[in-house]
Amino acid sequence: MVKNTEQEELLLNHSQNRRKGGLKTIPFIIVNEACEKLASYGLQPNMIIYITTFYHMEAARASILINLWSTLSNGLAILGAFISDSYVGRYKAVAIGTISSLIGMSVLWLTTIFPQLRPLPCGQYQHDCNGTTTAQLSVILCAFGLISIGAGFVRPCSVAFGADQLEKKENPDNERVLDSYFNWFNASEGVSIVLALTVIVYIQDHFGWQVGFAVPALLMVLSVSVFLFGSPLYIKAKPEGSLFAGLFQVAVTTFRKRHINVQLNYNDDCYYRAPESKLLEPSTDFRCLNRACIIQDPHVELKPDGKASDPWSLCSVEQVESMKCFLRVLPMWSTCIMLLVSFSQPLSIYQLLTLDRHISPQFEIPAGSFGMITIVALTIWLVFYDRVLVSLLSRYTGNPTGLSSVSRMGIGLFLGIVATALSAITETIRRNKAINAGFEDDPNAVLNMSCMWFAPQLALYGVAEALNAVAQVEFIYSLFPKTMSSFAAALYTFGIAVAGLINSLLVCVVDNVTSAGGNTSWLANNINRGHLDYFCWLTTFLSVLNFLYFLAVCRFNDTISLFPEAEEEHSQNRCLHGA
């Protein structure tokens, strides 16, 4: 009776899903994601100016706060994906995230409307310029936290939620439809970031903070409205469990069974396998993890149908091997973090504010829009490499992707070193020009120096990221089984979060050490008195050490895929997936 009821419910859900989903839902999802990207990325470039100007925060402290905000936004993506897959489902996750971002941006906009939410201006009441109160700081931190929560739910779940609407295995053209969807989705993200770095930043510079923060809030109103308007049309898949939960289960089960001697030879029947599994036993590397899939007492640990009674006490061979795949790629994954740290130079916007940014007597490029150079260089390189260099290099290397993923990662790291060194040289030139012009005590003075001095290093950063990031995702993707393919992109996102945390720690240490004893900090508010060039040289040195670490990983890493069928299945799609 129960079985018949389950079958009827399954047929009913299948019938309802056939009437829902499809291409008609995709515009709602893409508009939702595009508005979130446009709003959140539009806030970041000028945020350090807003904090230092209205909250009287030191530039180094403000840089730490911005980095921590970015870290939280990217780090929560893994938590958002876990909660979505395990508990609430993708639809609710995207809805929660979008509403959270709307509330956060509305709170941020209110700080520009009500003077009570920020400190009094120093110039008007000098005796009241005592910094930010706890309540005022709590308000802006609350805004940042809500925006980060929103990003953590929307970004990892939105693209997968759209794929749910198009997933129809009975359709012979389903793969082509999904590929088209991913292309349009990525294109919308790229356009959103371009508009964020140009239009939103321009509005903030020319119409003030009230309008500049109101526009992102209005975009999130549009995002929430459009997404919820399409709610009756969506396929809302139920949560089925998360890969992250499986990794945690392996770790917990291994600890609980730490008394088992894994040196003993166990036969195949002693290992718990999922139905239709091709893996009979776990591999011998990371042997301590094999404890998690060893069956000690079948009567207690297995149900009558052969499934595990408690997934936190017995894991499958597949789960153990997934954990081992994750551990294998960690050393190579960690080599990208320093490159991401070098991208996030503190106070770079203050450098650009001191340069001549006019491209005509009537038009001046906003300082916050210079990140466009990195994005344009990244895009041009990806197209050039894919359409020109791959065919040329493949003739000599025999590799269908031109250069191997590891080679491209290494070249990207090397170009990152060159870009960071170039940024140190450029800052030395800029600082010397400022001092020679008598502007040592006037950090707001505009020098007779073109902003295009910074274009080469920003373009190099773009090429370095295009080489390293895409190759890294491709490398990880090729080693993971198909069930873990989305984990490659999640790892890269987590890398951005870790890089932001390290950058915050580095800025904090450098600021405290160099300002000790009453000395001027390298990262002082007055960049003409500080030494941002020294900080860039320090970052260059750390990048060189990281490159040596990368070479050591390449030398001693004998990683091979224990899932050969995964590599065969993905061989046609790696470059597209990585890009």
Protein backbone atom coordinates (compact mmCIF):
# COMPACT_ATOMS: atom_id res chain seq x y z
CA MET A 1 0.00 0.00 0.00
CA VAL A 2 2.78 2.39 0.94
CA LYS A 3 4.68 1.46 -2.20
CA ASN A 4 1.63 2.20 -4.39
CA THR A 5 1.21 5.57 -2.68
CA GLU A 6 4.85 6.45 -3.36
CA GLN A 7 4.46 5.47 -7.02
CA GLU A 8 1.32 7.61 -7.37
CA GLU A 9 3.09 10.59 -5.79
CA LEU A 10 6.07 10.09 -8.11
CA LEU A 11 3.81 9.98 -11.19
CA LEU A 12 1.92 13.06 -9.98
CA ASN A 13 5.15 15.03 -9.47
CA HIS A 14 6.44 13.92 -12.87
CA SER A 15 3.20 15.05 -14.53
CA GLN A 16 3.38 18.43 -12.81
CA ASN A 17 7.05 18.89 -13.74
CA ARG A 18 6.26 18.27 -17.40
CA ARG A 19 3.99 21.34 -17.33
CA LYS A 20 6.55 23.44 -15.45
CA GLY A 21 10.09 24.52 -16.14
CA GLY A 22 11.49 24.89 -19.64
CA LEU A 23 12.89 27.90 -21.46
CA LYS A 24 10.06 30.17 -20.30
CA THR A 25 11.54 30.20 -16.78
CA ILE A 26 15.11 31.06 -17.78
CA PRO A 27 14.60 34.86 -18.23
CA PHE A 28 13.38 35.14 -14.62
CA ILE A 29 16.46 33.29 -13.33
CA ILE A 30 18.98 35.13 -15.50
CA VAL A 31 17.53 38.54 -14.62
CA ASN A 32 17.68 37.62 -10.93
CA GLU A 33 21.34 36.60 -11.12
CA ALA A 34 22.31 39.55 -13.37
CA CYS A 35 20.74 42.11 -11.03
CA GLU A 36 22.47 40.57 -8.00
CA LYS A 37 25.85 40.66 -9.76
CA LEU A 38 25.28 44.20 -11.05
CA ALA A 39 24.28 45.48 -7.62
CA SER A 40 26.93 43.73 -5.48
CA TYR A 41 29.90 44.24 -7.82
CA GLY A 42 28.91 47.86 -8.33
CA LEU A 43 29.30 48.53 -4.61
CA GLN A 44 32.81 47.14 -4.18
CA PRO A 45 35.20 49.48 -6.14
CA ASN A 46 34.33 52.71 -4.29
CA MET A 47 33.38 51.23 -0.94
CA ILE A 48 36.78 51.93 0.63
CA ILE A 49 36.36 55.63 -0.21
CA TYR A 50 32.91 55.69 1.40
CA ILE A 51 34.17 54.02 4.59
CA THR A 52 37.29 56.17 4.99
CA THR A 53 35.38 59.38 4.19
CA PHE A 54 32.24 58.95 6.28
CA TYR A 55 33.36 56.51 8.98
CA HIS A 56 36.80 58.08 9.63
CA MET A 57 38.49 54.70 9.30
CA GLU A 58 42.17 54.37 8.50
CA ALA A 59 42.81 53.24 4.93
CA ALA A 60 44.52 50.02 6.04
CA ARG A 61 41.65 49.14 8.39
CA ALA A 62 39.11 49.91 5.69
CA SER A 63 41.03 47.68 3.28
CA ILE A 64 40.92 44.85 5.83
CA LEU A 65 37.16 45.33 6.25
CA ILE A 66 36.56 45.24 2.48
CA ASN A 67 38.68 42.10 2.12
CA LEU A 68 36.82 40.40 4.95
CA TRP A 69 33.53 41.34 3.29
CA SER A 70 34.71 39.75 0.04
CA THR A 71 35.96 36.71 1.97
CA LEU A 72 32.59 36.25 3.65
CA SER A 73 30.68 36.61 0.37
CA ASN A 74 32.78 33.99 -1.39
CA GLY A 75 33.18 31.67 1.60
CA LEU A 76 29.46 31.54 2.30
CA ALA A 77 28.91 30.16 -1.22
CA ILE A 78 29.95 26.71 0.03
CA LEU A 79 27.66 27.00 3.04
CA GLY A 80 24.83 28.19 0.79
CA ALA A 81 25.30 25.24 -1.55
CA PHE A 82 25.36 22.83 1.42
CA ILE A 83 22.15 24.21 2.96
CA SER A 84 20.46 24.27 -0.44
CA ASP A 85 21.36 20.68 -1.36
CA SER A 86 20.72 19.24 2.10
CA TYR A 87 17.79 21.15 3.56
CA VAL A 88 15.88 23.95 1.80
CA GLY A 89 16.28 23.28 -1.92
CA ARG A 90 17.57 25.65 -4.61
CA TYR A 91 14.39 27.68 -5.06
CA LYS A 92 14.15 28.68 -1.40
CA ALA A 93 17.92 29.26 -1.26
CA VAL A 94 17.83 31.72 -4.16
CA ALA A 95 14.74 33.44 -2.74
CA ILE A 96 16.32 33.76 0.73
CA GLY A 97 19.58 35.05 -0.75
CA THR A 98 17.92 37.62 -2.99
CA ILE A 99 15.78 39.00 -0.16
CA SER A 100 18.80 39.10 2.16
CA SER A 101 20.79 41.09 -0.41
CA LEU A 102 17.87 43.49 -0.85
CA ILE A 103 17.66 44.14 2.91
CA GLY A 104 21.44 44.57 3.17
CA MET A 105 21.64 47.06 0.32
CA SER A 106 18.64 48.95 1.67
CA VAL A 107 20.37 49.28 5.06
CA LEU A 108 23.53 50.46 3.31
CA TRP A 109 21.52 53.06 1.38
CA LEU A 110 19.88 54.25 4.62
CA THR A 111 23.34 55.11 6.01
CA THR A 112 23.56 57.77 3.31
CA ILE A 113 20.09 59.15 4.13
CA PHE A 114 20.15 59.40 7.92
CA PRO A 115 23.17 61.26 9.40
CA GLN A 116 22.61 59.49 12.73
CA LEU A 117 23.81 56.24 11.15
CA ARG A 118 27.32 57.58 10.51
CA PRO A 119 29.79 59.79 12.42
CA LEU A 120 29.63 63.56 12.26
CA PRO A 121 31.87 65.19 9.63
CA CYS A 122 35.26 66.16 11.05
CA GLY A 123 35.37 69.48 9.25
CA GLN A 124 32.10 70.70 10.74
CA TYR A 125 32.51 69.58 14.36
CA GLN A 126 36.16 68.93 14.95
CA HIS A 127 35.60 67.95 18.59
CA ASP A 128 33.11 65.29 17.50
CA CYS A 129 35.53 63.58 15.12
CA ASN A 130 36.17 60.69 17.49
CA GLY A 131 35.53 57.80 15.16
CA THR A 132 32.53 55.57 14.70
CA THR A 133 30.29 54.49 17.57
CA THR A 134 29.52 50.84 18.16
CA ALA A 135 25.94 51.30 16.98
CA GLN A 136 26.99 53.03 13.77
CA LEU A 137 29.60 50.39 13.01
CA SER A 138 27.06 47.65 13.75
CA VAL A 139 24.66 49.07 11.17
CA ILE A 140 27.15 49.01 8.29
CA LEU A 141 28.53 45.62 9.36
CA CYS A 142 24.97 44.31 9.40
CA ALA A 143 24.51 45.60 5.84
CA PHE A 144 27.71 43.88 4.71
CA GLY A 145 26.71 40.65 6.44
CA LEU A 146 23.26 40.55 4.83
CA ILE A 147 24.74 41.21 1.38
CA SER A 148 27.29 38.42 1.93
CA ILE A 149 24.57 35.99 3.01
CA GLY A 150 22.64 36.89 -0.11
CA ALA A 151 25.65 36.30 -2.36
CA GLY A 152 26.40 33.03 -0.56
CA PHE A 153 22.93 31.67 -1.37
CA VAL A 154 22.34 33.14 -4.83
CA ARG A 155 25.65 32.59 -6.63
CA PRO A 156 26.11 28.82 -6.13
CA CYS A 157 22.41 27.97 -6.44
CA SER A 158 21.11 30.20 -9.23
CA VAL A 159 22.90 28.51 -12.13
CA ALA A 160 21.97 25.03 -10.86
CA PHE A 161 18.35 26.11 -10.32
CA GLY A 162 18.19 27.18 -13.97
CA ALA A 163 19.61 23.83 -15.06
CA ASP A 164 16.85 22.11 -13.05
CA GLN A 165 14.28 23.80 -15.28
CA LEU A 166 15.88 22.40 -18.45
CA GLU A 167 16.87 18.92 -17.22
CA LYS A 168 14.74 16.61 -19.35
CA LYS A 169 16.63 13.38 -19.97
CA GLU A 170 14.02 12.13 -22.44
CA ASN A 171 14.83 15.08 -24.72
CA PRO A 172 17.60 14.08 -27.23
CA ASP A 173 18.65 17.75 -27.51
CA ASN A 174 18.86 18.22 -23.74
CA GLU A 175 22.66 18.50 -23.67
CA ARG A 176 22.66 21.18 -26.38
CA VAL A 177 19.96 23.14 -24.55
CA LEU A 178 21.93 23.00 -21.30
CA ASP A 179 25.13 24.13 -23.06
CA SER A 180 23.25 27.07 -24.57
CA TYR A 181 21.84 27.96 -21.16
CA PHE A 182 25.26 27.93 -19.48
CA ASN A 183 26.67 30.14 -22.25
CA TRP A 184 23.86 32.68 -21.87
CA PHE A 185 24.12 32.56 -18.10
CA ASN A 186 27.88 33.23 -18.15
CA ALA A 187 27.42 35.95 -20.75
CA SER A 188 24.86 37.68 -18.54
CA GLU A 189 27.30 37.55 -15.62
CA GLY A 190 30.05 39.11 -17.75
CA VAL A 191 27.79 41.90 -18.97
CA SER A 192 26.60 42.56 -15.41
CA ILE A 193 30.15 42.91 -14.07
CA VAL A 194 31.08 45.25 -16.95
CA LEU A 195 28.05 47.44 -16.25
CA ALA A 196 28.79 47.36 -12.52
CA LEU A 197 32.34 48.63 -13.01
CA THR A 198 31.27 51.35 -15.42
CA VAL A 199 27.67 52.53 -14.99
CA ILE A 200 27.25 52.00 -11.23
CA VAL A 201 30.69 53.44 -10.43
CA TYR A 202 30.01 56.43 -12.73
CA ILE A 203 26.71 57.11 -10.95
CA GLN A 204 28.43 57.03 -7.54
CA ASP A 205 31.16 59.42 -8.72
CA HIS A 206 28.88 61.94 -10.43
CA PHE A 207 25.56 61.76 -8.55
CA GLY A 208 26.70 61.08 -5.00
CA TRP A 209 26.36 58.23 -2.55
CA GLN A 210 22.62 58.51 -2.01
CA VAL A 211 21.86 57.89 -5.67
CA GLY A 212 24.88 55.57 -6.07
CA PHE A 213 23.63 53.25 -3.31
CA ALA A 214 19.95 53.63 -4.19
CA VAL A 215 20.47 52.18 -7.68
CA PRO A 216 21.83 48.79 -6.40
CA ALA A 217 18.95 48.65 -3.89
CA LEU A 218 16.42 49.26 -6.68
CA LEU A 219 18.11 46.60 -8.79
CA MET A 220 17.60 44.12 -5.96
CA VAL A 221 13.92 45.13 -5.75
CA LEU A 222 13.69 44.24 -9.44
CA SER A 223 15.61 41.00 -8.80
CA VAL A 224 13.26 39.88 -6.01
CA SER A 225 10.14 40.87 -7.94
CA VAL A 226 11.12 39.10 -11.16
CA PHE A 227 12.23 35.93 -9.41
CA LEU A 228 9.10 35.60 -7.27
CA PHE A 229 6.86 36.52 -10.21
CA GLY A 230 8.07 33.40 -12.02
CA SER A 231 7.52 31.16 -8.97
CA PRO A 232 4.42 29.31 -10.32
CA LEU A 233 6.40 28.25 -13.39
CA TYR A 234 9.45 26.75 -11.65
CA ILE A 235 10.36 23.13 -11.10
CA LYS A 236 11.28 23.08 -7.41
CA ALA A 237 13.43 20.02 -6.86
CA LYS A 238 13.59 18.68 -3.34
CA PRO A 239 16.96 18.61 -1.53
CA GLU A 240 18.72 15.27 -1.99
CA GLY A 241 21.82 15.68 0.11
CA SER A 242 25.11 17.43 -0.47
CA LEU A 243 28.56 16.27 -1.50
CA PHE A 244 29.95 18.41 1.31
CA ALA A 245 27.93 16.36 3.80
CA GLY A 246 29.49 13.20 2.36
CA LEU A 247 33.00 14.56 2.92
CA PHE A 248 32.16 15.47 6.51
CA GLN A 249 30.69 12.02 7.05
CA VAL A 250 33.92 10.38 5.88
CA ALA A 251 35.97 12.51 8.27
CA VAL A 252 33.65 11.82 11.22
CA THR A 253 33.36 8.09 10.49
CA THR A 254 37.13 7.75 10.11
CA PHE A 255 37.61 9.31 13.53
CA ARG A 256 34.94 7.11 15.12
CA LYS A 257 36.59 3.98 13.67
CA ARG A 258 40.16 5.06 14.40
CA HIS A 259 40.78 1.82 16.34
CA ILE A 260 40.49 -0.33 13.17
CA ASN A 261 43.81 -1.65 11.85
CA VAL A 262 43.82 -0.73 8.15
CA GLN A 263 47.05 -2.67 7.57
CA LEU A 264 45.08 -5.92 7.60
CA ASN A 265 44.00 -7.37 4.27
CA TYR A 266 40.23 -7.14 3.96
CA ASN A 267 38.31 -8.87 1.20
CA ASP A 268 35.89 -7.04 -1.07
CA ASP A 269 32.84 -8.06 0.97
CA CYS A 270 34.14 -6.10 3.96
CA TYR A 271 33.69 -2.78 2.20
CA TYR A 272 30.37 -0.99 1.91
CA ARG A 273 29.55 -0.06 -1.71
CA ALA A 274 26.70 1.91 -3.19
CA PRO A 275 24.32 0.04 -5.55
CA GLU A 276 25.72 -0.49 -9.05
CA SER A 277 29.14 0.65 -7.90
CA LYS A 278 32.13 -0.13 -10.12
CA LEU A 279 34.60 0.28 -7.27
CA LEU A 280 35.09 -2.94 -5.31
CA GLU A 281 37.56 -1.62 -2.76
CA PRO A 282 39.20 1.68 -1.78
CA SER A 283 42.65 2.70 -3.02
CA THR A 284 45.75 2.30 -0.89
CA ASP A 285 46.77 5.95 -0.64
CA PHE A 286 45.38 7.90 2.36
CA ARG A 287 44.77 4.44 3.77
CA CYS A 288 43.58 5.77 7.12
CA LEU A 289 40.36 6.93 5.42
CA ASN A 290 39.55 3.34 4.42
CA ARG A 291 38.28 2.79 7.95
CA ALA A 292 35.15 4.74 7.04
CA CYS A 293 33.90 2.11 4.57
CA ILE A 294 34.86 -1.06 6.49
CA ILE A 295 31.84 -3.04 7.70
CA GLN A 296 32.44 -4.31 11.23
CA ASP A 297 29.00 -5.69 12.10
CA PRO A 298 26.61 -6.14 9.14
CA HIS A 299 23.63 -6.74 11.44
CA VAL A 300 24.08 -3.38 13.14
CA GLU A 301 25.55 -1.19 10.40
CA LEU A 302 23.35 -2.36 7.49
CA LYS A 303 19.60 -2.24 6.96
CA PRO A 304 17.73 -5.25 5.55
CA ASP A 305 17.87 -3.63 2.08
CA GLY A 306 21.67 -3.41 2.27
CA LYS A 307 21.90 0.34 2.88
CA ALA A 308 23.87 1.90 5.72
CA SER A 309 21.92 2.30 8.94
CA ASP A 310 23.83 5.46 9.92
CA PRO A 311 25.76 7.44 7.25
CA TRP A 312 27.86 8.95 10.04
CA SER A 313 29.05 5.51 11.10
CA LEU A 314 29.52 3.80 7.72
CA CYS A 315 30.39 5.41 4.39
CA SER A 316 30.56 3.94 0.91
CA VAL A 317 33.75 3.30 -1.04
CA GLU A 318 32.67 6.07 -3.44
CA GLN A 319 32.46 8.59 -0.60
CA VAL A 320 35.92 7.62 0.63
CA GLU A 321 37.39 7.95 -2.87
CA SER A 322 35.70 11.35 -3.28
CA MET A 323 37.39 12.48 -0.08
CA LYS A 324 40.74 11.22 -1.39
CA CYS A 325 40.23 13.11 -4.66
CA PHE A 326 39.61 16.25 -2.64
CA LEU A 327 42.81 15.74 -0.62
CA ARG A 328 44.87 15.04 -3.75
CA VAL A 329 44.04 18.33 -5.42
CA LEU A 330 44.50 20.50 -2.33
CA PRO A 331 48.27 21.11 -2.82
CA MET A 332 47.83 22.25 -6.44
CA TRP A 333 44.73 24.26 -5.55
CA SER A 334 46.60 26.09 -2.80
CA THR A 335 49.16 27.44 -5.29
CA CYS A 336 46.56 29.81 -6.77
CA ILE A 337 45.85 31.62 -3.51
CA MET A 338 48.89 33.91 -3.59
CA LEU A 339 48.05 34.98 -7.14
CA LEU A 340 44.58 36.00 -5.96
CA VAL A 341 46.16 37.87 -3.04
CA SER A 342 48.35 39.88 -5.42
CA PHE A 343 45.27 40.91 -7.41
CA SER A 344 43.76 42.64 -4.37
CA GLN A 345 46.23 45.46 -3.81
CA PRO A 346 45.04 47.73 -0.98
CA LEU A 347 44.69 51.46 -1.64
CA SER A 348 44.99 50.99 -5.41
CA ILE A 349 42.01 53.28 -5.93
CA TYR A 350 43.86 56.05 -4.05
CA GLN A 351 46.72 55.71 -6.51
CA LEU A 352 44.35 56.19 -9.43
CA LEU A 353 42.72 59.21 -7.80
CA THR A 354 46.09 61.03 -7.92
CA LEU A 355 46.55 60.45 -11.67
CA ASP A 356 45.24 62.23 -14.73
CA ARG A 357 42.28 60.10 -15.78
CA HIS A 358 40.97 62.29 -18.60
CA ILE A 359 40.65 60.69 -22.03
CA SER A 360 39.16 63.92 -23.35
CA PRO A 361 38.66 67.41 -21.84
CA GLN A 362 35.05 66.51 -21.11
CA PHE A 363 35.31 62.90 -19.89
CA GLU A 364 37.25 61.45 -16.97
CA ILE A 365 37.42 57.72 -16.29
CA PRO A 366 36.13 56.89 -12.79
CA ALA A 367 38.90 55.46 -10.63
CA GLY A 368 36.73 52.51 -9.66
CA SER A 369 36.24 51.50 -13.30
CA PHE A 370 39.86 50.58 -13.99
CA GLY A 371 39.14 46.95 -13.12
CA MET A 372 37.61 46.86 -16.60
CA ILE A 373 41.12 46.63 -18.04
CA THR A 374 41.65 43.33 -16.23
CA ILE A 375 38.31 41.95 -17.43
CA VAL A 376 38.86 43.04 -21.04
CA ALA A 377 42.38 41.56 -21.07
CA LEU A 378 41.05 38.31 -19.58
CA THR A 379 38.31 38.07 -22.20
CA ILE A 380 40.58 38.89 -25.13
CA TRP A 381 43.15 36.33 -24.00
CA LEU A 382 40.55 33.57 -23.60
CA VAL A 383 39.22 34.17 -27.12
CA PHE A 384 42.71 34.48 -28.62
CA TYR A 385 43.99 31.35 -26.90
CA ASP A 386 40.92 29.29 -27.77
CA ARG A 387 40.65 30.39 -31.41
CA VAL A 388 44.30 30.91 -32.39
CA LEU A 389 46.90 29.52 -30.00
CA VAL A 390 45.26 26.15 -29.29
CA SER A 391 45.44 25.05 -32.93
CA LEU A 392 49.04 26.26 -33.27
CA LEU A 393 50.35 24.84 -30.00
CA SER A 394 48.56 21.50 -30.34
CA ARG A 395 50.65 20.73 -33.44
CA TYR A 396 53.82 20.82 -31.35
CA THR A 397 52.60 19.57 -27.98
CA GLY A 398 50.14 16.95 -29.18
CA ASN A 399 47.75 18.23 -26.51
CA PRO A 400 44.27 19.09 -27.85
CA THR A 401 44.12 22.04 -25.43
CA GLY A 402 47.46 23.46 -26.65
CA LEU A 403 49.26 23.51 -23.32
CA SER A 404 48.53 21.25 -20.39
CA SER A 405 46.52 22.69 -17.53
CA VAL A 406 49.54 22.54 -15.21
CA SER A 407 51.70 24.46 -17.72
CA ARG A 408 49.07 27.18 -18.04
CA MET A 409 48.79 27.42 -14.27
CA GLY A 410 52.54 27.91 -14.00
CA ILE A 411 52.62 30.57 -16.74
CA GLY A 412 49.76 32.37 -15.00
CA LEU A 413 51.67 32.39 -11.70
CA PHE A 414 54.79 33.74 -13.44
CA LEU A 415 52.84 36.54 -15.15
CA GLY A 416 51.31 37.37 -11.77
CA ILE A 417 54.83 37.87 -10.38
CA VAL A 418 55.70 40.17 -13.31
CA ALA A 419 52.48 42.15 -12.84
CA THR A 420 53.09 42.62 -9.10
CA ALA A 421 56.68 43.71 -9.68
CA LEU A 422 55.48 46.12 -12.34
CA SER A 423 52.94 47.57 -9.90
CA ALA A 424 55.76 48.17 -7.39
CA ILE A 425 57.86 49.97 -10.01
CA THR A 426 54.89 52.07 -11.16
CA GLU A 427 54.06 53.10 -7.59
CA THR A 428 57.69 54.12 -7.00
CA ILE A 429 57.54 56.36 -10.06
CA ARG A 430 54.18 57.82 -9.00
CA ARG A 431 55.36 58.49 -5.45
CA ASN A 432 58.61 60.15 -6.58
CA LYS A 433 56.67 62.40 -8.96
CA ALA A 434 54.33 63.42 -6.12
CA ILE A 435 57.22 64.25 -3.77
CA ASN A 436 59.17 66.12 -6.45
CA ALA A 437 56.06 68.16 -7.25
CA GLY A 438 55.74 69.17 -3.58
CA PHE A 439 52.64 67.06 -2.90
CA GLU A 440 54.10 64.94 -0.10
CA ASP A 441 51.51 66.28 2.35
CA ASP A 442 48.67 66.49 -0.16
CA PRO A 443 47.48 62.98 -1.10
CA ASN A 444 44.53 64.45 -3.03
CA ALA A 445 46.67 66.39 -5.51
CA VAL A 446 46.44 65.23 -9.12
CA LEU A 447 49.81 64.61 -10.75
CA ASN A 448 50.89 65.28 -14.29
CA MET A 449 50.99 61.54 -14.88
CA SER A 450 48.66 59.52 -17.08
CA CYS A 451 46.49 56.80 -15.58
CA MET A 452 47.61 54.57 -18.46
CA TRP A 453 50.78 53.86 -16.49
CA PHE A 454 48.65 51.34 -14.59
CA ALA A 455 47.17 49.71 -17.69
CA PRO A 456 50.02 47.18 -18.35
CA GLN A 457 49.95 45.68 -14.85
CA LEU A 458 46.13 45.46 -14.84
CA ALA A 459 46.19 43.78 -18.26
CA LEU A 460 48.85 41.32 -17.08
CA TYR A 461 46.70 40.45 -14.07
CA GLY A 462 43.85 39.67 -16.46
CA VAL A 463 45.97 37.35 -18.61
CA ALA A 464 47.44 35.70 -15.51
CA GLU A 465 43.97 35.04 -14.10
CA ALA A 466 42.71 33.73 -17.45
CA LEU A 467 45.59 31.26 -17.62
CA ASN A 468 45.68 30.15 -14.00
CA ALA A 469 42.02 30.16 -13.02
CA VAL A 470 40.67 28.35 -16.08
CA ALA A 471 43.51 25.82 -16.03
CA GLN A 472 43.04 25.20 -12.32
CA VAL A 473 39.33 24.45 -12.69
CA GLU A 474 40.13 22.21 -15.66
CA PHE A 475 42.85 20.37 -13.72
CA ILE A 476 40.61 19.73 -10.72
CA TYR A 477 37.67 18.85 -12.95
CA SER A 478 39.69 16.20 -14.79
CA LEU A 479 40.60 14.42 -11.53
CA PHE A 480 37.14 14.39 -10.00
CA PRO A 481 34.40 11.92 -10.89
CA LYS A 482 31.35 13.29 -12.64
CA THR A 483 29.43 13.45 -9.38
CA MET A 484 31.99 15.98 -8.08
CA SER A 485 32.31 18.11 -11.24
CA SER A 486 30.63 21.17 -9.70
CA PHE A 487 33.09 20.95 -6.81
CA ALA A 488 35.89 22.31 -9.04
CA ALA A 489 34.26 25.71 -9.43
CA ALA A 490 33.31 25.72 -5.73
CA LEU A 491 36.96 25.16 -4.78
CA TYR A 492 38.03 28.14 -6.88
CA THR A 493 35.40 30.32 -5.22
CA PHE A 494 36.62 29.12 -1.84
CA GLY A 495 40.16 30.01 -2.95
CA ILE A 496 39.03 33.61 -3.49
CA ALA A 497 37.64 33.62 0.04
CA VAL A 498 40.89 32.28 1.51
CA ALA A 499 42.89 34.81 -0.51
CA GLY A 500 40.78 37.64 0.89
CA LEU A 501 41.40 36.39 4.42
CA ILE A 502 45.16 36.13 3.84
CA ASN A 503 45.21 39.58 2.26
CA SER A 504 43.46 41.02 5.32
CA LEU A 505 45.97 39.34 7.63
CA LEU A 506 48.90 40.58 5.52
CA VAL A 507 47.61 44.17 5.50
CA CYS A 508 47.02 44.04 9.26
CA VAL A 509 50.52 42.72 10.01
CA VAL A 510 52.28 45.15 7.66
CA ASP A 511 50.32 48.13 8.97
CA ASN A 512 51.01 47.27 12.62
CA VAL A 513 54.69 46.46 12.13
CA THR A 514 55.57 49.44 9.92
CA SER A 515 53.65 51.94 12.08
CA ALA A 516 55.29 50.78 15.33
CA GLY A 517 57.23 53.42 17.24
CA GLY A 518 55.34 56.29 15.66
CA ASN A 519 56.64 55.59 12.16
CA THR A 520 54.53 56.21 9.10
CA SER A 521 52.83 53.03 7.97
CA TRP A 522 53.53 51.69 4.51
CA LEU A 523 49.76 51.71 4.09
CA ALA A 524 49.09 55.19 5.49
CA ASN A 525 46.07 57.23 4.38
CA ASN A 526 48.53 59.62 2.77
CA ILE A 527 49.96 57.31 0.12
CA ASN A 528 52.61 59.92 -0.76
CA ARG A 529 54.10 59.53 2.73
CA GLY A 530 53.46 55.80 2.94
CA HIS A 531 55.27 53.12 0.96
CA LEU A 532 52.72 51.14 -1.01
CA ASP A 533 55.59 50.23 -3.36
CA TYR A 534 57.32 48.37 -0.50
CA PHE A 535 54.11 46.44 0.11
CA CYS A 536 54.01 45.50 -3.59
CA TRP A 537 57.62 44.29 -3.42
CA LEU A 538 56.73 42.20 -0.35
CA THR A 539 53.83 40.68 -2.29
CA THR A 540 56.18 40.01 -5.22
CA PHE A 541 58.60 38.18 -2.92
CA LEU A 542 55.79 36.06 -1.50
CA SER A 543 54.61 35.33 -5.05
CA VAL A 544 58.10 34.10 -5.97
CA LEU A 545 58.07 31.78 -2.95
CA ASN A 546 54.65 30.57 -4.03
CA PHE A 547 55.98 29.85 -7.52
CA LEU A 548 58.78 27.74 -6.04
CA TYR A 549 56.13 25.93 -3.99
CA PHE A 550 54.19 25.31 -7.22
CA LEU A 551 57.29 23.79 -8.83
CA ALA A 552 57.77 21.55 -5.79
CA VAL A 553 54.15 20.38 -6.00
CA CYS A 554 54.63 19.59 -9.69
CA ARG A 555 57.82 17.70 -8.90
CA PHE A 556 56.44 15.52 -6.12
CA ASN A 557 52.78 15.26 -7.11
CA ASP A 558 52.06 11.87 -8.68
CA THR A 559 48.29 12.48 -8.70
CA ILE A 560 46.37 10.30 -11.10
CA SER A 561 42.63 9.90 -11.47
CA LEU A 562 41.15 6.85 -9.80
CA PHE A 563 38.10 7.50 -11.93
CA PRO A 564 39.31 6.94 -15.51
CA GLU A 565 35.77 6.95 -16.78
CA ALA A 566 35.38 10.47 -15.43
CA GLU A 567 38.26 11.73 -17.53
CA GLU A 568 36.85 10.03 -20.61
CA GLU A 569 33.40 11.54 -20.05
CA HIS A 570 34.74 15.03 -19.48
CA SER A 571 37.43 15.12 -22.19
CA GLN A 572 35.12 16.91 -24.61
CA ASN A 573 33.93 19.51 -22.13
CA ARG A 574 36.88 20.47 -19.91
CA CYS A 575 37.86 23.72 -21.60
CA LEU A 576 34.26 24.92 -21.87
CA HIS A 577 33.54 24.01 -18.26
CA GLY A 578 36.72 25.71 -17.02
CA ALA A 579 36.07 28.90 -18.99
